[in-house]
Amino acid sequence: MALPPLDDADRARARERALASRRTRAEWKARLTRGEADLDGLLAASDADDALAGMRVADAVGALPGVGPRGVERILAACGIAPTRRLRGLGPRQRAALTASDGPAARSGT
């Protein structure tokens, strides 16, 4: 499928939208790292914000304090979530497993 031709103004608008999305995701990751937000809040916000809905679950979990790359792998495996899954693509059971107070994300130091 061929992409439609874009003029310079269309490309500039697309760049601005992409930059705004990256900034939004970076702000939330920083808030998670600082402990100012939790996964429940991020998932709720992602329901209303397409930029957040496009964030990878692995990136969000990895931003939690005390969770490294191996911890991300363990948490995602315990919740039955593929490493490439985005917040938008999580099912209700996966969301519940990820945010449960006794779930793997809670046990990993968060």
PDB file of N, CA and C in Angstrom:
ATOM      1  N   MET A   1       0.846  -1.172   0.000  1.00  0.00           N
ATOM      2  CA  MET A   1       0.000   0.000   0.000  1.00  0.00           C
ATOM      3  C   MET A   1       0.892   1.235   0.000  1.00  0.00           C
ATOM      4  N   ALA A   2       0.677   2.076  -0.962  1.00  0.00           N
ATOM      5  CA  ALA A   2       1.488   3.287  -1.095  1.00  0.00           C
ATOM      6  C   ALA A   2       0.991   4.364  -0.131  1.00  0.00           C
ATOM      7  N   LEU A   3       1.931   5.094   0.400  1.00  0.00           N
ATOM      8  CA  LEU A   3       1.576   6.208   1.278  1.00  0.00           C
ATOM      9  C   LEU A   3       1.112   7.382   0.444  1.00  0.00           C
ATOM     10  N   PRO A   4       0.144   8.130   0.962  1.00  0.00           N
ATOM     11  CA  PRO A   4      -0.299   9.299   0.213  1.00  0.00           C
ATOM     12  C   PRO A   4       0.811  10.360   0.201  1.00  0.00           C
ATOM     13  N   PRO A   5       0.901  11.116  -0.864  1.00  0.00           N
ATOM     14  CA  PRO A   5       1.929  12.164  -0.908  1.00  0.00           C
ATOM     15  C   PRO A   5       1.608  13.261   0.112  1.00  0.00           C
ATOM     16  N   LEU A   6       2.647  13.695   0.806  1.00  0.00           N
ATOM     17  CA  LEU A   6       2.477  14.734   1.819  1.00  0.00           C
ATOM     18  C   LEU A   6       3.267  15.967   1.418  1.00  0.00           C
ATOM     19  N   ASP A   7       2.682  17.105   1.662  1.00  0.00           N
ATOM     20  CA  ASP A   7       3.440  18.331   1.421  1.00  0.00           C
ATOM     21  C   ASP A   7       4.192  18.703   2.702  1.00  0.00           C
ATOM     22  N   ASP A   8       4.966  19.752   2.650  1.00  0.00           N
ATOM     23  CA  ASP A   8       5.800  20.131   3.797  1.00  0.00           C
ATOM     24  C   ASP A   8       4.965  20.458   5.030  1.00  0.00           C
ATOM     25  N   ALA A   9       3.823  21.075   4.863  1.00  0.00           N
ATOM     26  CA  ALA A   9       2.972  21.427   6.000  1.00  0.00           C
ATOM     27  C   ALA A   9       2.415  20.166   6.676  1.00  0.00           C
ATOM     28  N   ASP A  10       2.014  19.185   5.874  1.00  0.00           N
ATOM     29  CA  ASP A  10       1.512  17.921   6.441  1.00  0.00           C
ATOM     30  C   ASP A  10       2.608  17.205   7.224  1.00  0.00           C
ATOM     31  N   ARG A  11       3.820  17.191   6.666  1.00  0.00           N
ATOM     32  CA  ARG A  11       4.937  16.557   7.360  1.00  0.00           C
ATOM     33  C   ARG A  11       5.257  17.274   8.660  1.00  0.00           C
ATOM     34  N   ALA A  12       5.191  18.577   8.658  1.00  0.00           N
ATOM     35  CA  ALA A  12       5.470  19.359   9.874  1.00  0.00           C
ATOM     36  C   ALA A  12       4.423  19.060  10.950  1.00  0.00           C
ATOM     37  N   ARG A  13       3.151  18.974  10.561  1.00  0.00           N
ATOM     38  CA  ARG A  13       2.097  18.650  11.521  1.00  0.00           C
ATOM     39  C   ARG A  13       2.299  17.248  12.092  1.00  0.00           C
ATOM     40  N   ALA A  14       2.664  16.300  11.244  1.00  0.00           N
ATOM     41  CA  ALA A  14       2.897  14.929  11.706  1.00  0.00           C
ATOM     42  C   ALA A  14       4.082  14.893  12.672  1.00  0.00           C
ATOM     43  N   ARG A  15       5.141  15.659  12.363  1.00  0.00           N
ATOM     44  CA  ARG A  15       6.295  15.721  13.268  1.00  0.00           C
ATOM     45  C   ARG A  15       5.904  16.278  14.622  1.00  0.00           C
ATOM     46  N   GLU A  16       5.097  17.330  14.625  1.00  0.00           N
ATOM     47  CA  GLU A  16       4.654  17.937  15.887  1.00  0.00           C
ATOM     48  C   GLU A  16       3.802  16.975  16.702  1.00  0.00           C
ATOM     49  N   ARG A  17       2.906  16.256  16.034  1.00  0.00           N
ATOM     50  CA  ARG A  17       2.083  15.266  16.746  1.00  0.00           C
ATOM     51  C   ARG A  17       2.949  14.156  17.340  1.00  0.00           C
ATOM     52  N   ALA A  18       3.916  13.689  16.566  1.00  0.00           N
ATOM     53  CA  ALA A  18       4.802  12.626  17.059  1.00  0.00           C
ATOM     54  C   ALA A  18       5.636  13.115  18.239  1.00  0.00           C
ATOM     55  N   LEU A  19       6.123  14.340  18.159  1.00  0.00           N
ATOM     56  CA  LEU A  19       6.918  14.903  19.247  1.00  0.00           C
ATOM     57  C   LEU A  19       6.068  15.066  20.505  1.00  0.00           C
ATOM     58  N   ALA A  20       4.839  15.527  20.357  1.00  0.00           N
ATOM     59  CA  ALA A  20       3.947  15.678  21.505  1.00  0.00           C
ATOM     60  C   ALA A  20       3.654  14.326  22.148  1.00  0.00           C
ATOM     61  N   SER A  21       3.472  13.296  21.325  1.00  0.00           N
ATOM     62  CA  SER A  21       3.223  11.950  21.858  1.00  0.00           C
ATOM     63  C   SER A  21       4.432  11.443  22.633  1.00  0.00           C
ATOM     64  N   ARG A  22       5.627  11.621  22.082  1.00  0.00           N
ATOM     65  CA  ARG A  22       6.842  11.174  22.771  1.00  0.00           C
ATOM     66  C   ARG A  22       7.025  11.924  24.086  1.00  0.00           C
ATOM     67  N   ARG A  23       6.725  13.217  24.093  1.00  0.00           N
ATOM     68  CA  ARG A  23       6.849  13.993  25.335  1.00  0.00           C
ATOM     69  C   ARG A  23       5.873  13.507  26.398  1.00  0.00           C
ATOM     70  N   THR A  24       4.638  13.239  25.995  1.00  0.00           N
ATOM     71  CA  THR A  24       3.627  12.753  26.927  1.00  0.00           C
ATOM     72  C   THR A  24       4.056  11.429  27.547  1.00  0.00           C
ATOM     73  N   ARG A  25       4.532  10.509  26.701  1.00  0.00           N
ATOM     74  CA  ARG A  25       4.977   9.208  27.218  1.00  0.00           C
ATOM     75  C   ARG A  25       6.185   9.375  28.136  1.00  0.00           C
ATOM     76  N   ALA A  26       7.115  10.247  27.773  1.00  0.00           N
ATOM     77  CA  ALA A  26       8.304  10.477  28.607  1.00  0.00           C
ATOM     78  C   ALA A  26       7.924  11.078  29.958  1.00  0.00           C
ATOM     79  N   GLU A  27       6.964  11.992  29.975  1.00  0.00           N
ATOM     80  CA  GLU A  27       6.511  12.591  31.239  1.00  0.00           C
ATOM     81  C   GLU A  27       5.918  11.524  32.160  1.00  0.00           C
ATOM     82  N   TRP A  28       5.102  10.642  31.605  1.00  0.00           N
ATOM     83  CA  TRP A  28       4.493   9.588  32.419  1.00  0.00           C
ATOM     84  C   TRP A  28       5.538   8.609  32.922  1.00  0.00           C
ATOM     85  N   LYS A  29       6.514   8.273  32.077  1.00  0.00           N
ATOM     86  CA  LYS A  29       7.574   7.366  32.524  1.00  0.00           C
ATOM     87  C   LYS A  29       8.366   8.003  33.657  1.00  0.00           C
ATOM     88  N   ALA A  30       8.628   9.297  33.564  1.00  0.00           N
ATOM     89  CA  ALA A  30       9.353   9.990  34.634  1.00  0.00           C
ATOM     90  C   ALA A  30       8.519  10.007  35.912  1.00  0.00           C
ATOM     91  N   ARG A  31       7.220  10.226  35.790  1.00  0.00           N
ATOM     92  CA  ARG A  31       6.344  10.211  36.966  1.00  0.00           C
ATOM     93  C   ARG A  31       6.320   8.831  37.617  1.00  0.00           C
ATOM     94  N   LEU A  32       6.306   7.778  36.805  1.00  0.00           N
ATOM     95  CA  LEU A  32       6.349   6.419  37.349  1.00  0.00           C
ATOM     96  C   LEU A  32       7.672   6.187  38.083  1.00  0.00           C
ATOM     97  N   THR A  33       8.763   6.622  37.495  1.00  0.00           N
ATOM     98  CA  THR A  33      10.085   6.432  38.092  1.00  0.00           C
ATOM     99  C   THR A  33      10.196   7.152  39.426  1.00  0.00           C
ATOM    100  N   ARG A  34       9.644   8.363  39.491  1.00  0.00           N
ATOM    101  CA  ARG A  34       9.703   9.143  40.730  1.00  0.00           C
ATOM    102  C   ARG A  34       8.686   8.675  41.761  1.00  0.00           C
ATOM    103  N   GLY A  35       7.775   7.783  41.389  1.00  0.00           N
ATOM    104  CA  GLY A  35       6.760   7.294  42.315  1.00  0.00           C
ATOM    105  C   GLY A  35       5.569   8.219  42.445  1.00  0.00           C
ATOM    106  N   GLU A  36       5.444   9.199  41.560  1.00  0.00           N
ATOM    107  CA  GLU A  36       4.325  10.143  41.597  1.00  0.00           C
ATOM    108  C   GLU A  36       3.070   9.562  40.946  1.00  0.00           C
ATOM    109  N   ALA A  37       3.225   8.490  40.189  1.00  0.00           N
ATOM    110  CA  ALA A  37       2.093   7.853  39.510  1.00  0.00           C
ATOM    111  C   ALA A  37       2.255   6.344  39.642  1.00  0.00           C
ATOM    112  N   ASP A  38       1.171   5.634  39.384  1.00  0.00           N
ATOM    113  CA  ASP A  38       1.228   4.181  39.412  1.00  0.00           C
ATOM    114  C   ASP A  38       0.613   3.631  38.129  1.00  0.00           C
ATOM    115  N   LEU A  39       0.676   2.323  37.973  1.00  0.00           N
ATOM    116  CA  LEU A  39       0.156   1.710  36.755  1.00  0.00           C
ATOM    117  C   LEU A  39      -1.350   1.890  36.613  1.00  0.00           C
ATOM    118  N   ASP A  40      -2.073   1.901  37.734  1.00  0.00           N
ATOM    119  CA  ASP A  40      -3.525   2.140  37.669  1.00  0.00           C
ATOM    120  C   ASP A  40      -3.817   3.487  37.021  1.00  0.00           C
ATOM    121  N   GLY A  41      -3.103   4.503  37.461  1.00  0.00           N
ATOM    122  CA  GLY A  41      -3.298   5.842  36.912  1.00  0.00           C
ATOM    123  C   GLY A  41      -2.919   5.918  35.451  1.00  0.00           C
ATOM    124  N   LEU A  42      -1.823   5.264  35.081  1.00  0.00           N
ATOM    125  CA  LEU A  42      -1.389   5.266  33.689  1.00  0.00           C
ATOM    126  C   LEU A  42      -2.410   4.571  32.799  1.00  0.00           C
ATOM    127  N   LEU A  43      -2.915   3.431  33.250  1.00  0.00           N
ATOM    128  CA  LEU A  43      -3.908   2.713  32.446  1.00  0.00           C
ATOM    129  C   LEU A  43      -5.195   3.519  32.303  1.00  0.00           C
ATOM    130  N   ALA A  44      -5.600   4.187  33.367  1.00  0.00           N
ATOM    131  CA  ALA A  44      -6.798   5.030  33.281  1.00  0.00           C
ATOM    132  C   ALA A  44      -6.577   6.181  32.307  1.00  0.00           C
ATOM    133  N   ALA A  45      -5.407   6.794  32.376  1.00  0.00           N
ATOM    134  CA  ALA A  45      -5.107   7.914  31.477  1.00  0.00           C
ATOM    135  C   ALA A  45      -4.987   7.446  30.030  1.00  0.00           C
ATOM    136  N   SER A  46      -4.500   6.222  29.826  1.00  0.00           N
ATOM    137  CA  SER A  46      -4.329   5.722  28.461  1.00  0.00           C
ATOM    138  C   SER A  46      -5.668   5.462  27.774  1.00  0.00           C
ATOM    139  N   ASP A  47      -6.732   5.291  28.555  1.00  0.00           N
ATOM    140  CA  ASP A  47      -8.053   5.110  27.953  1.00  0.00           C
ATOM    141  C   ASP A  47      -8.516   6.362  27.224  1.00  0.00           C
ATOM    142  N   ALA A  48      -8.055   7.520  27.685  1.00  0.00           N
ATOM    143  CA  ALA A  48      -8.495   8.782  27.100  1.00  0.00           C
ATOM    144  C   ALA A  48      -7.446   9.433  26.206  1.00  0.00           C
ATOM    145  N   ASP A  49      -6.202   8.970  26.247  1.00  0.00           N
ATOM    146  CA  ASP A  49      -5.118   9.628  25.527  1.00  0.00           C
ATOM    147  C   ASP A  49      -4.464   8.636  24.563  1.00  0.00           C
ATOM    148  N   ASP A  50      -4.560   8.906  23.268  1.00  0.00           N
ATOM    149  CA  ASP A  50      -3.984   8.008  22.268  1.00  0.00           C
ATOM    150  C   ASP A  50      -2.470   7.922  22.362  1.00  0.00           C
ATOM    151  N   ALA A  51      -1.820   8.990  22.789  1.00  0.00           N
ATOM    152  CA  ALA A  51      -0.362   8.961  22.926  1.00  0.00           C
ATOM    153  C   ALA A  51       0.047   7.947  23.986  1.00  0.00           C
ATOM    154  N   LEU A  52      -0.662   7.926  25.088  1.00  0.00           N
ATOM    155  CA  LEU A  52      -0.360   6.967  26.144  1.00  0.00           C
ATOM    156  C   LEU A  52      -0.796   5.559  25.758  1.00  0.00           C
ATOM    157  N   ALA A  53      -1.877   5.451  25.022  1.00  0.00           N
ATOM    158  CA  ALA A  53      -2.365   4.140  24.607  1.00  0.00           C
ATOM    159  C   ALA A  53      -1.343   3.442  23.720  1.00  0.00           C
ATOM    160  N   GLY A  54      -0.488   4.203  23.040  1.00  0.00           N
ATOM    161  CA  GLY A  54       0.528   3.633  22.172  1.00  0.00           C
ATOM    162  C   GLY A  54       1.813   3.262  22.886  1.00  0.00           C
ATOM    163  N   MET A  55       1.889   3.508  24.195  1.00  0.00           N
ATOM    164  CA  MET A  55       3.097   3.173  24.957  1.00  0.00           C
ATOM    165  C   MET A  55       3.193   1.666  25.138  1.00  0.00           C
ATOM    166  N   ARG A  56       4.385   1.127  25.009  1.00  0.00           N
ATOM    167  CA  ARG A  56       4.585  -0.301  25.236  1.00  0.00           C
ATOM    168  C   ARG A  56       4.492  -0.594  26.732  1.00  0.00           C
ATOM    169  N   VAL A  57       3.850  -1.700  27.061  1.00  0.00           N
ATOM    170  CA  VAL A  57       3.697  -2.110  28.460  1.00  0.00           C
ATOM    171  C   VAL A  57       5.066  -2.328  29.089  1.00  0.00           C
ATOM    172  N   ALA A  58       5.989  -2.906  28.338  1.00  0.00           N
ATOM    173  CA  ALA A  58       7.333  -3.163  28.868  1.00  0.00           C
ATOM    174  C   ALA A  58       8.016  -1.857  29.270  1.00  0.00           C
ATOM    175  N   ASP A  59       7.819  -0.789  28.504  1.00  0.00           N
ATOM    176  CA  ASP A  59       8.412   0.505  28.851  1.00  0.00           C
ATOM    177  C   ASP A  59       7.804   1.063  30.131  1.00  0.00           C
ATOM    178  N   ALA A  60       6.496   0.907  30.279  1.00  0.00           N
ATOM    179  CA  ALA A  60       5.820   1.410  31.476  1.00  0.00           C
ATOM    180  C   ALA A  60       6.266   0.633  32.711  1.00  0.00           C
ATOM    181  N   VAL A  61       6.322  -0.689  32.613  1.00  0.00           N
ATOM    182  CA  VAL A  61       6.730  -1.513  33.754  1.00  0.00           C
ATOM    183  C   VAL A  61       8.195  -1.253  34.078  1.00  0.00           C
ATOM    184  N   GLY A  62       9.016  -1.088  33.062  1.00  0.00           N
ATOM    185  CA  GLY A  62      10.429  -0.824  33.271  1.00  0.00           C
ATOM    186  C   GLY A  62      10.705   0.514  33.924  1.00  0.00           C
ATOM    187  N   ALA A  63       9.752   1.431  33.846  1.00  0.00           N
ATOM    188  CA  ALA A  63       9.917   2.744  34.470  1.00  0.00           C
ATOM    189  C   ALA A  63       9.601   2.713  35.960  1.00  0.00           C
ATOM    190  N   LEU A  64       9.005   1.628  36.449  1.00  0.00           N
ATOM    191  CA  LEU A  64       8.691   1.536  37.874  1.00  0.00           C
ATOM    192  C   LEU A  64       9.979   1.443  38.687  1.00  0.00           C
ATOM    193  N   PRO A  65       9.998   2.069  39.851  1.00  0.00           N
ATOM    194  CA  PRO A  65      11.202   2.003  40.687  1.00  0.00           C
ATOM    195  C   PRO A  65      11.534   0.570  41.076  1.00  0.00           C
ATOM    196  N   GLY A  66      12.792   0.194  40.929  1.00  0.00           N
ATOM    197  CA  GLY A  66      13.240  -1.122  41.340  1.00  0.00           C
ATOM    198  C   GLY A  66      12.988  -2.230  40.339  1.00  0.00           C
ATOM    199  N   VAL A  67      12.507  -1.906  39.155  1.00  0.00           N
ATOM    200  CA  VAL A  67      12.242  -2.928  38.142  1.00  0.00           C
ATOM    201  C   VAL A  67      13.233  -2.742  37.004  1.00  0.00           C
ATOM    202  N   GLY A  68      14.061  -3.755  36.805  1.00  0.00           N
ATOM    203  CA  GLY A  68      15.034  -3.734  35.723  1.00  0.00           C
ATOM    204  C   GLY A  68      14.565  -4.582  34.563  1.00  0.00           C
ATOM    205  N   PRO A  69      15.434  -4.789  33.598  1.00  0.00           N
ATOM    206  CA  PRO A  69      15.060  -5.574  32.410  1.00  0.00           C
ATOM    207  C   PRO A  69      14.582  -6.993  32.735  1.00  0.00           C
ATOM    208  N   ARG A  70      15.246  -7.667  33.659  1.00  0.00           N
ATOM    209  CA  ARG A  70      14.821  -9.022  34.040  1.00  0.00           C
ATOM    210  C   ARG A  70      13.494  -8.988  34.781  1.00  0.00           C
ATOM    211  N   GLY A  71      13.300  -7.987  35.594  1.00  0.00           N
ATOM    212  CA  GLY A  71      12.036  -7.841  36.299  1.00  0.00           C
ATOM    213  C   GLY A  71      10.889  -7.611  35.337  1.00  0.00           C
ATOM    214  N   VAL A  72      11.135  -6.823  34.303  1.00  0.00           N
ATOM    215  CA  VAL A  72      10.110  -6.581  33.280  1.00  0.00           C
ATOM    216  C   VAL A  72       9.727  -7.902  32.626  1.00  0.00           C
ATOM    217  N   GLU A  73      10.733  -8.691  32.260  1.00  0.00           N
ATOM    218  CA  GLU A  73      10.449  -9.989  31.627  1.00  0.00           C
ATOM    219  C   GLU A  73       9.617 -10.877  32.538  1.00  0.00           C
ATOM    220  N   ARG A  74       9.976 -10.931  33.823  1.00  0.00           N
ATOM    221  CA  ARG A  74       9.241 -11.783  34.770  1.00  0.00           C
ATOM    222  C   ARG A  74       7.804 -11.299  34.960  1.00  0.00           C
ATOM    223  N   ILE A  75       7.638  -9.999  35.097  1.00  0.00           N
ATOM    224  CA  ILE A  75       6.297  -9.446  35.310  1.00  0.00           C
ATOM    225  C   ILE A  75       5.406  -9.701  34.113  1.00  0.00           C
ATOM    226  N   LEU A  76       5.928  -9.418  32.915  1.00  0.00           N
ATOM    227  CA  LEU A  76       5.116  -9.621  31.716  1.00  0.00           C
ATOM    228  C   LEU A  76       4.775 -11.101  31.538  1.00  0.00           C
ATOM    229  N   ALA A  77       5.721 -11.980  31.805  1.00  0.00           N
ATOM    230  CA  ALA A  77       5.449 -13.416  31.680  1.00  0.00           C
ATOM    231  C   ALA A  77       4.397 -13.867  32.695  1.00  0.00           C
ATOM    232  N   ALA A  78       4.499 -13.370  33.919  1.00  0.00           N
ATOM    233  CA  ALA A  78       3.535 -13.757  34.955  1.00  0.00           C
ATOM    234  C   ALA A  78       2.124 -13.268  34.630  1.00  0.00           C
ATOM    235  N   CYS A  79       2.041 -12.139  33.933  1.00  0.00           N
ATOM    236  CA  CYS A  79       0.726 -11.580  33.585  1.00  0.00           C
ATOM    237  C   CYS A  79       0.219 -12.070  32.229  1.00  0.00           C
ATOM    238  N   GLY A  80       1.040 -12.809  31.511  1.00  0.00           N
ATOM    239  CA  GLY A  80       0.643 -13.295  30.200  1.00  0.00           C
ATOM    240  C   GLY A  80       0.587 -12.199  29.161  1.00  0.00           C
ATOM    241  N   ILE A  81       1.552 -11.274  29.213  1.00  0.00           N
ATOM    242  CA  ILE A  81       1.586 -10.132  28.301  1.00  0.00           C
ATOM    243  C   ILE A  81       2.812 -10.253  27.409  1.00  0.00           C
ATOM    244  N   ALA A  82       2.619 -10.147  26.108  1.00  0.00           N
ATOM    245  CA  ALA A  82       3.729 -10.192  25.158  1.00  0.00           C
ATOM    246  C   ALA A  82       4.600  -8.945  25.324  1.00  0.00           C
ATOM    247  N   PRO A  83       5.910  -9.066  25.115  1.00  0.00           N
ATOM    248  CA  PRO A  83       6.810  -7.921  25.301  1.00  0.00           C
ATOM    249  C   PRO A  83       6.523  -6.758  24.355  1.00  0.00           C
ATOM    250  N   THR A  84       5.874  -7.015  23.235  1.00  0.00           N
ATOM    251  CA  THR A  84       5.592  -5.951  22.273  1.00  0.00           C
ATOM    252  C   THR A  84       4.206  -5.330  22.450  1.00  0.00           C
ATOM    253  N   ARG A  85       3.443  -5.805  23.424  1.00  0.00           N
ATOM    254  CA  ARG A  85       2.074  -5.328  23.627  1.00  0.00           C
ATOM    255  C   ARG A  85       2.074  -3.865  24.053  1.00  0.00           C
ATOM    256  N   ARG A  86       1.101  -3.125  23.582  1.00  0.00           N
ATOM    257  CA  ARG A  86       0.930  -1.723  23.960  1.00  0.00           C
ATOM    258  C   ARG A  86      -0.225  -1.609  24.947  1.00  0.00           C
ATOM    259  N   LEU A  87      -0.268  -0.512  25.680  1.00  0.00           N
ATOM    260  CA  LEU A  87      -1.316  -0.339  26.697  1.00  0.00           C
ATOM    261  C   LEU A  87      -2.702  -0.487  26.095  1.00  0.00           C
ATOM    262  N   ARG A  88      -2.891   0.017  24.890  1.00  0.00           N
ATOM    263  CA  ARG A  88      -4.181  -0.052  24.220  1.00  0.00           C
ATOM    264  C   ARG A  88      -4.622  -1.496  24.013  1.00  0.00           C
ATOM    265  N   GLY A  89      -3.679  -2.418  23.860  1.00  0.00           N
ATOM    266  CA  GLY A  89      -3.988  -3.794  23.519  1.00  0.00           C
ATOM    267  C   GLY A  89      -4.165  -4.728  24.702  1.00  0.00           C
ATOM    268  N   LEU A  90      -4.113  -4.201  25.908  1.00  0.00           N
ATOM    269  CA  LEU A  90      -4.276  -5.064  27.081  1.00  0.00           C
ATOM    270  C   LEU A  90      -5.738  -5.431  27.288  1.00  0.00           C
ATOM    271  N   GLY A  91      -5.958  -6.689  27.592  1.00  0.00           N
ATOM    272  CA  GLY A  91      -7.301  -7.139  27.909  1.00  0.00           C
ATOM    273  C   GLY A  91      -7.600  -6.893  29.377  1.00  0.00           C
ATOM    274  N   PRO A  92      -8.863  -7.051  29.783  1.00  0.00           N
ATOM    275  CA  PRO A  92      -9.236  -6.795  31.175  1.00  0.00           C
ATOM    276  C   PRO A  92      -8.501  -7.685  32.176  1.00  0.00           C
ATOM    277  N   ARG A  93      -8.277  -8.933  31.826  1.00  0.00           N
ATOM    278  CA  ARG A  93      -7.561  -9.832  32.743  1.00  0.00           C
ATOM    279  C   ARG A  93      -6.091  -9.448  32.861  1.00  0.00           C
ATOM    280  N   GLN A  94      -5.500  -9.044  31.741  1.00  0.00           N
ATOM    281  CA  GLN A  94      -4.101  -8.614  31.775  1.00  0.00           C
ATOM    282  C   GLN A  94      -3.950  -7.340  32.606  1.00  0.00           C
ATOM    283  N   ARG A  95      -4.880  -6.414  32.444  1.00  0.00           N
ATOM    284  CA  ARG A  95      -4.847  -5.176  33.242  1.00  0.00           C
ATOM    285  C   ARG A  95      -4.972  -5.495  34.728  1.00  0.00           C
ATOM    286  N   ALA A  96      -5.904  -6.386  35.041  1.00  0.00           N
ATOM    287  CA  ALA A  96      -6.121  -6.748  36.443  1.00  0.00           C
ATOM    288  C   ALA A  96      -4.885  -7.427  37.020  1.00  0.00           C
ATOM    289  N   ALA A  97      -4.266  -8.323  36.253  1.00  0.00           N
ATOM    290  CA  ALA A  97      -3.078  -9.019  36.740  1.00  0.00           C
ATOM    291  C   ALA A  97      -1.921  -8.049  36.932  1.00  0.00           C
ATOM    292  N   LEU A  98      -1.808  -7.079  36.050  1.00  0.00           N
ATOM    293  CA  LEU A  98      -0.706  -6.124  36.111  1.00  0.00           C
ATOM    294  C   LEU A  98      -0.847  -5.166  37.284  1.00  0.00           C
ATOM    295  N   THR A  99      -2.059  -4.794  37.620  1.00  0.00           N
ATOM    296  CA  THR A  99      -2.268  -3.775  38.645  1.00  0.00           C
ATOM    297  C   THR A  99      -2.716  -4.341  39.993  1.00  0.00           C
ATOM    298  N   ALA A 100      -2.854  -5.653  40.095  1.00  0.00           N
ATOM    299  CA  ALA A 100      -3.289  -6.247  41.360  1.00  0.00           C
ATOM    300  C   ALA A 100      -2.314  -5.892  42.473  1.00  0.00           C
ATOM    301  N   SER A 101      -2.857  -5.609  43.653  1.00  0.00           N
ATOM    302  CA  SER A 101      -2.006  -5.214  44.777  1.00  0.00           C
ATOM    303  C   SER A 101      -1.083  -6.333  45.206  1.00  0.00           C
ATOM    304  N   ASP A 102      -1.432  -7.587  44.914  1.00  0.00           N
ATOM    305  CA  ASP A 102      -0.549  -8.702  45.224  1.00  0.00           C
ATOM    306  C   ASP A 102       0.054  -9.303  43.965  1.00  0.00           C
ATOM    307  N   GLY A 103      -0.046  -8.569  42.853  1.00  0.00           N
ATOM    308  CA  GLY A 103       0.453  -9.052  41.568  1.00  0.00           C
ATOM    309  C   GLY A 103       1.955  -8.915  41.437  1.00  0.00           C
ATOM    310  N   PRO A 104       2.487  -9.348  40.305  1.00  0.00           N
ATOM    311  CA  PRO A 104       3.931  -9.349  40.105  1.00  0.00           C
ATOM    312  C   PRO A 104       4.545  -7.953  40.135  1.00  0.00           C
ATOM    313  N   ALA A 105       3.847  -6.953  39.653  1.00  0.00           N
ATOM    314  CA  ALA A 105       4.409  -5.595  39.672  1.00  0.00           C
ATOM    315  C   ALA A 105       4.537  -5.098  41.117  1.00  0.00           C
ATOM    316  N   ALA A 106       3.596  -5.472  41.966  1.00  0.00           N
ATOM    317  CA  ALA A 106       3.656  -5.051  43.371  1.00  0.00           C
ATOM    318  C   ALA A 106       4.759  -5.780  44.112  1.00  0.00           C
ATOM    319  N   ARG A 107       4.984  -7.046  43.778  1.00  0.00           N
ATOM    320  CA  ARG A 107       6.016  -7.832  44.456  1.00  0.00           C
ATOM    321  C   ARG A 107       7.418  -7.465  44.038  1.00  0.00           C
ATOM    322  N   SER A 108       7.575  -6.761  42.912  1.00  0.00           N
ATOM    323  CA  SER A 108       8.912  -6.477  42.414  1.00  0.00           C
ATOM    324  C   SER A 108       9.498  -5.210  42.994  1.00  0.00           C
ATOM    325  N   GLY A 109       8.916  -4.696  44.049  1.00  0.00           N
ATOM    326  CA  GLY A 109       9.499  -3.538  44.713  1.00  0.00           C
ATOM    327  C   GLY A 109       8.756  -2.244  44.490  1.00  0.00           C
ATOM    328  N   THR A 110       7.591  -2.297  43.871  1.00  0.00           N
ATOM    329  CA  THR A 110       6.828  -1.071  43.645  1.00  0.00           C
ATOM    330  C   THR A 110       5.716  -0.945  44.639  1.00  0.00           C
TER     331      THR A 110
END
